[in-house]
Structures are given as structure tokens and as C-alpha cells.
C-alpha atoms as a PDB file:
ATOM      1  CA  MET A   1       8.026   5.348 -15.853  1.00  0.00           C
ATOM      2  CA  THR A   2       7.373   8.665 -14.163  1.00  0.00           C
ATOM      3  CA  LEU A   3       6.131   8.878 -10.609  1.00  0.00           C
ATOM      4  CA  LEU A   4       2.427   9.650 -10.482  1.00  0.00           C
ATOM      5  CA  ARG A   5       1.383  11.761  -7.539  1.00  0.00           C
ATOM      6  CA  THR A   6      -2.349  12.045  -7.170  1.00  0.00           C
ATOM      7  CA  THR A   7      -3.790  14.238  -4.443  1.00  0.00           C
ATOM      8  CA  ALA A   8      -6.628  12.594  -2.568  1.00  0.00           C
ATOM      9  CA  THR A   9      -9.846  14.591  -2.259  1.00  0.00           C
ATOM     10  CA  ARG A  10     -12.841  13.955  -0.046  1.00  0.00           C
ATOM     11  CA  PRO A  11     -15.735  12.416  -1.953  1.00  0.00           C
ATOM     12  CA  GLN A  12     -19.116  14.120  -1.677  1.00  0.00           C
ATOM     13  CA  PRO A  13     -21.485  11.942   0.363  1.00  0.00           C
ATOM     14  CA  ALA A  14     -24.459  12.357  -1.961  1.00  0.00           C
ATOM     15  CA  GLN A  15     -22.638  11.462  -5.170  1.00  0.00           C
ATOM     16  CA  PRO A  16     -19.043  10.249  -4.749  1.00  0.00           C
ATOM     17  CA  GLN A  17     -16.733  11.322  -7.542  1.00  0.00           C
ATOM     18  CA  PRO A  18     -13.657   9.438  -8.823  1.00  0.00           C
ATOM     19  CA  ARG A  19     -10.387  10.501  -7.249  1.00  0.00           C
ATOM     20  CA  TRP A  20      -8.880  10.823 -10.718  1.00  0.00           C
ATOM     21  CA  PRO A  21     -10.466  11.689 -14.086  1.00  0.00           C
ATOM     22  CA  SER A  22     -11.298   8.789 -16.360  1.00  0.00           C
ATOM     23  CA  GLY A  23      -8.132   7.526 -18.035  1.00  0.00           C
ATOM     24  CA  ARG A  24      -5.851   9.653 -15.872  1.00  0.00           C
ATOM     25  CA  HIS A  25      -4.456   6.841 -13.759  1.00  0.00           C
ATOM     26  CA  PRO A  26      -3.031   3.887 -15.696  1.00  0.00           C
ATOM     27  CA  GLU A  27      -4.332   0.392 -15.176  1.00  0.00           C
ATOM     28  CA  VAL A  28      -1.830  -1.701 -13.222  1.00  0.00           C
ATOM     29  CA  PRO A  29      -2.446  -5.282 -12.074  1.00  0.00           C
ATOM     30  CA  VAL A  30      -1.824  -4.824  -8.346  1.00  0.00           C
ATOM     31  CA  ALA A  31      -2.291  -2.170  -5.679  1.00  0.00           C
ATOM     32  CA  LEU A  32       0.254  -2.538  -2.883  1.00  0.00           C
ATOM     33  CA  VAL A  33      -1.076  -0.955   0.317  1.00  0.00           C
ATOM     34  CA  LEU A  34       1.682  -0.275   2.817  1.00  0.00           C
ATOM     35  CA  GLY A  35       0.629  -0.882   6.393  1.00  0.00           C
ATOM     36  CA  THR A  36       0.671   1.508   9.305  1.00  0.00           C
ATOM     37  CA  ARG A  37      -0.953   1.731  12.728  1.00  0.00           C
ATOM     38  CA  VAL A  38      -3.981  -0.313  13.726  1.00  0.00           C
ATOM     39  CA  GLN A  39      -5.974   0.797  16.757  1.00  0.00           C
ATOM     40  CA  ALA A  40      -6.432  -1.227  19.943  1.00  0.00           C
ATOM     41  CA  ASP A  41      -9.868  -2.412  18.791  1.00  0.00           C
ATOM     42  CA  GLY A  42      -8.352  -3.894  15.642  1.00  0.00           C
ATOM     43  CA  THR A  43      -9.599  -1.249  13.220  1.00  0.00           C
ATOM     44  CA  PRO A  44      -7.298   0.777  10.945  1.00  0.00           C
ATOM     45  CA  ALA A  45      -6.197   4.126  12.343  1.00  0.00           C
ATOM     46  CA  PRO A  46      -7.099   7.157  10.175  1.00  0.00           C
ATOM     47  CA  PHE A  47      -3.858   7.159   8.153  1.00  0.00           C
ATOM     48  CA  LEU A  48      -4.311   3.502   7.248  1.00  0.00           C
ATOM     49  CA  ALA A  49      -8.036   3.899   6.554  1.00  0.00           C
ATOM     50  CA  ALA A  50      -7.202   6.694   4.101  1.00  0.00           C
ATOM     51  CA  ARG A  51      -4.797   4.390   2.256  1.00  0.00           C
ATOM     52  CA  LEU A  52      -7.401   1.649   2.129  1.00  0.00           C
ATOM     53  CA  GLU A  53     -10.011   4.002   0.704  1.00  0.00           C
ATOM     54  CA  ILE A  54      -7.665   4.775  -2.181  1.00  0.00           C
ATOM     55  CA  ALA A  55      -7.116   1.055  -2.786  1.00  0.00           C
ATOM     56  CA  ARG A  56     -10.877   0.454  -2.701  1.00  0.00           C
ATOM     57  CA  GLU A  57     -11.388   3.200  -5.305  1.00  0.00           C
ATOM     58  CA  LEU A  58      -8.623   1.809  -7.507  1.00  0.00           C
ATOM     59  CA  TYR A  59     -10.313  -1.573  -7.504  1.00  0.00           C
ATOM     60  CA  ALA A  60     -13.834  -0.198  -7.926  1.00  0.00           C
ATOM     61  CA  THR A  61     -12.815   1.887 -10.943  1.00  0.00           C
ATOM     62  CA  GLY A  62     -10.957  -0.979 -12.622  1.00  0.00           C
ATOM     63  CA  LYS A  63      -7.513   0.540 -12.181  1.00  0.00           C
ATOM     64  CA  VAL A  64      -6.216  -2.555 -10.369  1.00  0.00           C
ATOM     65  CA  GLN A  65      -7.309  -6.194 -10.369  1.00  0.00           C
ATOM     66  CA  ALA A  66      -5.957  -7.267  -6.970  1.00  0.00           C
ATOM     67  CA  ILE A  67      -4.872  -5.630  -3.719  1.00  0.00           C
ATOM     68  CA  LEU A  68      -1.822  -6.763  -1.733  1.00  0.00           C
ATOM     69  CA  VAL A  69      -2.016  -5.522   1.860  1.00  0.00           C
ATOM     70  CA  SER A  70       1.393  -5.605   3.485  1.00  0.00           C
ATOM     71  CA  GLY A  71       1.948  -4.903   7.140  1.00  0.00           C
ATOM     72  CA  ASP A  72       3.180  -5.894  10.567  1.00  0.00           C
ATOM     73  CA  ASN A  73       2.076  -9.075  12.312  1.00  0.00           C
ATOM     74  CA  MET A  74       5.202  -9.522  14.401  1.00  0.00           C
ATOM     75  CA  ARG A  75       3.094 -10.015  17.539  1.00  0.00           C
ATOM     76  CA  HIS A  76       0.094 -12.344  17.784  1.00  0.00           C
ATOM     77  CA  GLU A  77      -2.134  -9.612  19.224  1.00  0.00           C
ATOM     78  CA  TYR A  78      -1.285  -7.027  16.544  1.00  0.00           C
ATOM     79  CA  ASN A  79      -2.260  -7.691  12.939  1.00  0.00           C
ATOM     80  CA  GLU A  80      -2.212  -4.966  10.304  1.00  0.00           C
ATOM     81  CA  PRO A  81      -2.889  -7.188   7.237  1.00  0.00           C
ATOM     82  CA  GLU A  82      -6.035  -8.767   8.661  1.00  0.00           C
ATOM     83  CA  ALA A  83      -7.358  -5.383   9.777  1.00  0.00           C
ATOM     84  CA  MET A  84      -6.819  -4.105   6.230  1.00  0.00           C
ATOM     85  CA  GLN A  85      -8.462  -7.179   4.736  1.00  0.00           C
ATOM     86  CA  ARG A  86     -11.572  -6.790   6.922  1.00  0.00           C
ATOM     87  CA  TRP A  87     -11.892  -3.090   6.079  1.00  0.00           C
ATOM     88  CA  LEU A  88     -11.756  -3.738   2.323  1.00  0.00           C
ATOM     89  CA  ILE A  89     -14.141  -6.704   2.359  1.00  0.00           C
ATOM     90  CA  GLU A  90     -16.664  -4.796   4.482  1.00  0.00           C
ATOM     91  CA  ARG A  91     -16.660  -2.109   1.778  1.00  0.00           C
ATOM     92  CA  GLY A  92     -17.282  -4.410  -1.129  1.00  0.00           C
ATOM     93  CA  VAL A  93     -13.897  -5.660  -2.330  1.00  0.00           C
ATOM     94  CA  PRO A  94     -14.165  -9.429  -3.008  1.00  0.00           C
ATOM     95  CA  ALA A  95     -12.225 -11.514  -0.502  1.00  0.00           C
ATOM     96  CA  ASP A  96     -10.390 -13.386  -3.280  1.00  0.00           C
ATOM     97  CA  LYS A  97      -8.996 -10.083  -4.556  1.00  0.00           C
ATOM     98  CA  VAL A  98      -7.321  -9.159  -1.261  1.00  0.00           C
ATOM     99  CA  VAL A  99      -3.985 -10.878  -0.606  1.00  0.00           C
ATOM    100  CA  LEU A 100      -2.219 -10.620   2.746  1.00  0.00           C
ATOM    101  CA  ASP A 101       1.482 -10.186   3.418  1.00  0.00           C
ATOM    102  CA  TYR A 102       2.045 -10.673   7.138  1.00  0.00           C
ATOM    103  CA  ALA A 103       5.727  -9.687   7.091  1.00  0.00           C
ATOM    104  CA  GLY A 104       5.731  -6.174   5.651  1.00  0.00           C
ATOM    105  CA  PHE A 105       7.634  -4.786   8.623  1.00  0.00           C
ATOM    106  CA  ASP A 106       8.870  -1.731   6.746  1.00  0.00           C
ATOM    107  CA  THR A 107       8.746  -0.250   3.255  1.00  0.00           C
ATOM    108  CA  TYR A 108      11.818  -2.163   2.086  1.00  0.00           C
ATOM    109  CA  ASP A 109      10.459  -5.510   3.291  1.00  0.00           C
ATOM    110  CA  SER A 110       7.041  -4.849   1.722  1.00  0.00           C
ATOM    111  CA  CYS A 111       8.609  -4.066  -1.649  1.00  0.00           C
ATOM    112  CA  ALA A 112      11.102  -6.924  -1.512  1.00  0.00           C
ATOM    113  CA  ARG A 113       8.430  -9.458  -0.566  1.00  0.00           C
ATOM    114  CA  ALA A 114       5.988  -8.148  -3.169  1.00  0.00           C
ATOM    115  CA  LYS A 115       8.583  -8.978  -5.812  1.00  0.00           C
ATOM    116  CA  ARG A 116      10.252 -12.086  -4.433  1.00  0.00           C
ATOM    117  CA  ILE A 117       7.425 -13.826  -2.558  1.00  0.00           C
ATOM    118  CA  PHE A 118       4.308 -12.708  -4.439  1.00  0.00           C
ATOM    119  CA  GLY A 119       5.812 -12.254  -7.915  1.00  0.00           C
ATOM    120  CA  VAL A 120       4.567  -8.678  -8.356  1.00  0.00           C
ATOM    121  CA  GLU A 121       6.083  -7.086 -11.463  1.00  0.00           C
ATOM    122  CA  ARG A 122       3.974  -3.909 -11.698  1.00  0.00           C
ATOM    123  CA  ALA A 123       2.166  -2.146  -8.878  1.00  0.00           C
ATOM    124  CA  THR A 124       0.488   1.037  -7.766  1.00  0.00           C
ATOM    125  CA  LEU A 125       1.749   1.835  -4.269  1.00  0.00           C
ATOM    126  CA  VAL A 126      -0.724   3.355  -1.847  1.00  0.00           C
ATOM    127  CA  THR A 127       0.456   5.396   1.128  1.00  0.00           C
ATOM    128  CA  GLN A 128       0.472   9.003   2.374  1.00  0.00           C
ATOM    129  CA  GLN A 129       1.862  11.658   0.060  1.00  0.00           C
ATOM    130  CA  PHE A 130       4.909  12.389   2.229  1.00  0.00           C
ATOM    131  CA  HIS A 131       5.927   8.704   2.062  1.00  0.00           C
ATOM    132  CA  LEU A 132       5.243   8.140  -1.618  1.00  0.00           C
ATOM    133  CA  ALA A 133       8.570   9.142  -3.204  1.00  0.00           C
ATOM    134  CA  ARG A 134      10.566   6.905  -0.848  1.00  0.00           C
ATOM    135  CA  ALA A 135       8.221   3.966  -1.314  1.00  0.00           C
ATOM    136  CA  VAL A 136       8.204   4.149  -5.107  1.00  0.00           C
ATOM    137  CA  THR A 137      11.979   4.592  -5.257  1.00  0.00           C
ATOM    138  CA  VAL A 138      12.619   1.577  -3.014  1.00  0.00           C
ATOM    139  CA  CYS A 139      10.227  -0.652  -4.937  1.00  0.00           C
ATOM    140  CA  ARG A 140      11.750   0.322  -8.271  1.00  0.00           C
ATOM    141  CA  HIS A 141      15.237  -0.469  -7.001  1.00  0.00           C
ATOM    142  CA  LEU A 142      13.967  -3.881  -5.911  1.00  0.00           C
ATOM    143  CA  GLY A 143      12.582  -4.706  -9.336  1.00  0.00           C
ATOM    144  CA  VAL A 144       8.924  -3.646  -9.100  1.00  0.00           C
ATOM    145  CA  ASP A 145       7.751  -1.331 -11.884  1.00  0.00           C
ATOM    146  CA  ALA A 146       6.011   1.010  -9.452  1.00  0.00           C
ATOM    147  CA  ILE A 147       3.872   4.116  -9.588  1.00  0.00           C
ATOM    148  CA  GLY A 148       1.928   5.535  -6.683  1.00  0.00           C
ATOM    149  CA  VAL A 149      -1.077   7.341  -5.299  1.00  0.00           C
ATOM    150  CA  GLY A 150      -0.533   9.472  -2.231  1.00  0.00           C
ATOM    151  CA  ASP A 151      -3.248  10.370   0.265  1.00  0.00           C
ATOM    152  CA  GLU A 152      -3.478  13.898   1.609  1.00  0.00           C
ATOM    153  CA  THR A 153      -6.793  13.744   3.459  1.00  0.00           C
ATOM    154  CA  ALA A 154      -4.910  12.780   6.636  1.00  0.00           C
ATOM    155  CA  ARG A 155      -3.392  16.281   6.713  1.00  0.00           C
ATOM    156  CA  GLU A 156      -6.321  17.161   8.972  1.00  0.00           C
ATOM    157  CA  TYR A 157      -4.426  15.321  11.712  1.00  0.00           C
ATOM    158  CA  GLY A 158      -1.947  18.178  11.693  1.00  0.00           C
ATOM    159  CA  ARG A 159       0.521  17.268  14.422  1.00  0.00           C
ATOM    160  CA  THR A 160       0.646  13.581  13.469  1.00  0.00           C
ATOM    161  CA  TRP A 161       1.104  14.490   9.794  1.00  0.00           C
ATOM    162  CA  GLN A 162       3.936  16.903  10.631  1.00  0.00           C
ATOM    163  CA  PHE A 163       5.677  14.355  12.840  1.00  0.00           C
ATOM    164  CA  ALA A 164       5.412  11.620  10.212  1.00  0.00           C
ATOM    165  CA  SER A 165       6.610  13.976   7.468  1.00  0.00           C
ATOM    166  CA  ALA A 166       9.642  15.000   9.532  1.00  0.00           C
ATOM    167  CA  ARG A 167      10.423  11.338  10.161  1.00  0.00           C
ATOM    168  CA  GLU A 168      10.893  10.821   6.413  1.00  0.00           C
ATOM    169  CA  TYR A 169      14.414  12.313   6.553  1.00  0.00           C
ATOM    170  CA  GLY A 170      15.724   9.524   8.763  1.00  0.00           C
ATOM    171  CA  ALA A 171      13.615   6.886   7.047  1.00  0.00           C
ATOM    172  CA  SER A 172      15.041   7.863   3.664  1.00  0.00           C
ATOM    173  CA  ILE A 173      18.590   7.395   4.925  1.00  0.00           C
ATOM    174  CA  LYS A 174      17.708   3.935   6.243  1.00  0.00           C
ATOM    175  CA  ALA A 175      16.003   3.057   2.955  1.00  0.00           C
ATOM    176  CA  ALA A 176      19.095   4.113   0.991  1.00  0.00           C
ATOM    177  CA  LEU A 177      21.298   1.931   3.185  1.00  0.00           C
ATOM    178  CA  ASP A 178      18.923  -1.004   2.776  1.00  0.00           C
ATOM    179  CA  VAL A 179      18.928  -0.649  -1.009  1.00  0.00           C
ATOM    180  CA  LEU A 180      22.711  -0.350  -1.133  1.00  0.00           C
ATOM    181  CA  SER A 181      23.156  -3.408   1.088  1.00  0.00           C
ATOM    182  CA  GLY A 182      20.671  -5.475  -0.897  1.00  0.00           C
ATOM    183  CA  ARG A 183      19.627  -7.192   2.329  1.00  0.00           C
ATOM    184  CA  ASP A 184      16.967  -9.863   2.412  1.00  0.00           C
ATOM    185  CA  PRO A 185      13.674  -8.981   4.097  1.00  0.00           C
ATOM    186  CA  VAL A 186      13.373 -10.068   7.730  1.00  0.00           C
ATOM    187  CA  HIS A 187      11.219 -13.008   6.626  1.00  0.00           C
ATOM    188  CA  LEU A 188      11.695 -14.358   3.124  1.00  0.00           C
ATOM    189  CA  GLY A 189      10.076 -17.775   2.896  1.00  0.00           C
ATOM    190  CA  ARG A 190       8.600 -19.647  -0.043  1.00  0.00           C
ATOM    191  CA  ARG A 191       6.945 -18.247  -3.153  1.00  0.00           C
ATOM    192  CA  GLU A 192       3.231 -17.584  -2.582  1.00  0.00           C
ATOM    193  CA  THR A 193       0.591 -17.686  -5.314  1.00  0.00           C
ATOM    194  CA  GLY A 194      -2.057 -15.409  -3.805  1.00  0.00           C
ATOM    195  CA  ILE A 195      -1.555 -12.621  -6.340  1.00  0.00           C
ATOM    196  CA  ASP A 196      -1.357 -15.070  -9.238  1.00  0.00           C
ATOM    197  CA  ASP A 197      -4.640 -16.623  -8.119  1.00  0.00           C
ATOM    198  CA  ALA A 198      -6.346 -13.247  -7.637  1.00  0.00           C
ATOM    199  CA  LEU A 199      -5.340 -12.090 -11.115  1.00  0.00           C
ATOM    200  CA  ARG A 200      -6.301 -15.396 -12.707  1.00  0.00           C
ATOM    201  CA  THR A 201      -9.908 -15.161 -11.503  1.00  0.00           C
ATOM    202  CA  GLY A 202     -10.421 -12.074 -13.683  1.00  0.00           C
END
């Protein structure tokens, strides 16, 4: 399956338009939103909010049936998955369609857990454009039939975007080593049925 790169565009306030033409983006059961920074007040930072808006649109347009939000909850006071869940529910995504992975500490762990813990076979990955190729490649190597949608609206945060883009060089080397080692995610645990349940409710 070829990697789908879709450039995010800002919707018009008066009459929001789909991010992709009808039929352009294939229907896939699950959107996997990869976590990133949450602000001190518990709300998603702009990069994460942009990812969540894509996931919301995918669900609203029938391109996915469930959303797996995967992020860092290593510390009690910092919780990316719950911040993502709140954001989506507040914007109309049903609570039973949002599944939380509290141990998505990096891209490799998110992909590995999506497959091994949540039983995800096919997914649309949602992240920033500069991160998309690495994320899709890692997930495919770990057994998830993955495509992706990459946000570009966060380019307006020029310095942060440039820093994060430059960081991809080192992150790609680490991802390659992880894939070659076949390591387990930091937390593996038992099989969870959240995605199965979300898909079963139709």
C-alpha cells in the first residue's frame, strides 16, 4: 500500500470544507493519533490539537470508525491520552469511539502496542507531515497496514516546526535501531478490547 500524504488546509469558518475530496482518502477502521506535548493546563498544545482536528475530520466524514489516542502518561500529573480524549469528545466524537493507550511513549511503542495490545490490523496514522514517513514505516514493519495523514497547519509555528523537523534525522536512526532489534515496548501488558468494542458498536 502506498503512503498517502495529505496536506492539511485551514477550514473556512463559515462553511468548513473536507480536508480531502470525497473518495480520495480510503476508509480504514482506525485512526491512530500519535501523542505530543500537552500544556500545563492539560489542554493539547497546537501541534497535538492539529493532529486531533484531522482525526475528528476522519471520523466525521466516515473515513474511520474508531480513534486510538496513544501518548505519554509516565507521570501522574502529565496525561496526553486523556487530554486528547477530552478534546475529541468536546468536539462531538462519541466517547465510546475514542480508545486510550497510556503507554505510547514514542512512535515505536505506539505502533507496537496498537498491533499487539489493541489488535489493530489497519490504521490511518495522524501526525505532522515531517513525522509521517517515519511513523508509517515503523508501523508497517511492526505489522500494521498503515497509511497516514500529515498536518501542515502547524508550520505557522516556524521555529518549533523547524526544530522538530531537524530532530527527525536522529529520531529516524533510533527508529531503525528499534525495528532491527525487535524490542518490546516499554509496557506490554495484556490484550485490550477497546478497539474491538468501538468497532463492534458500528
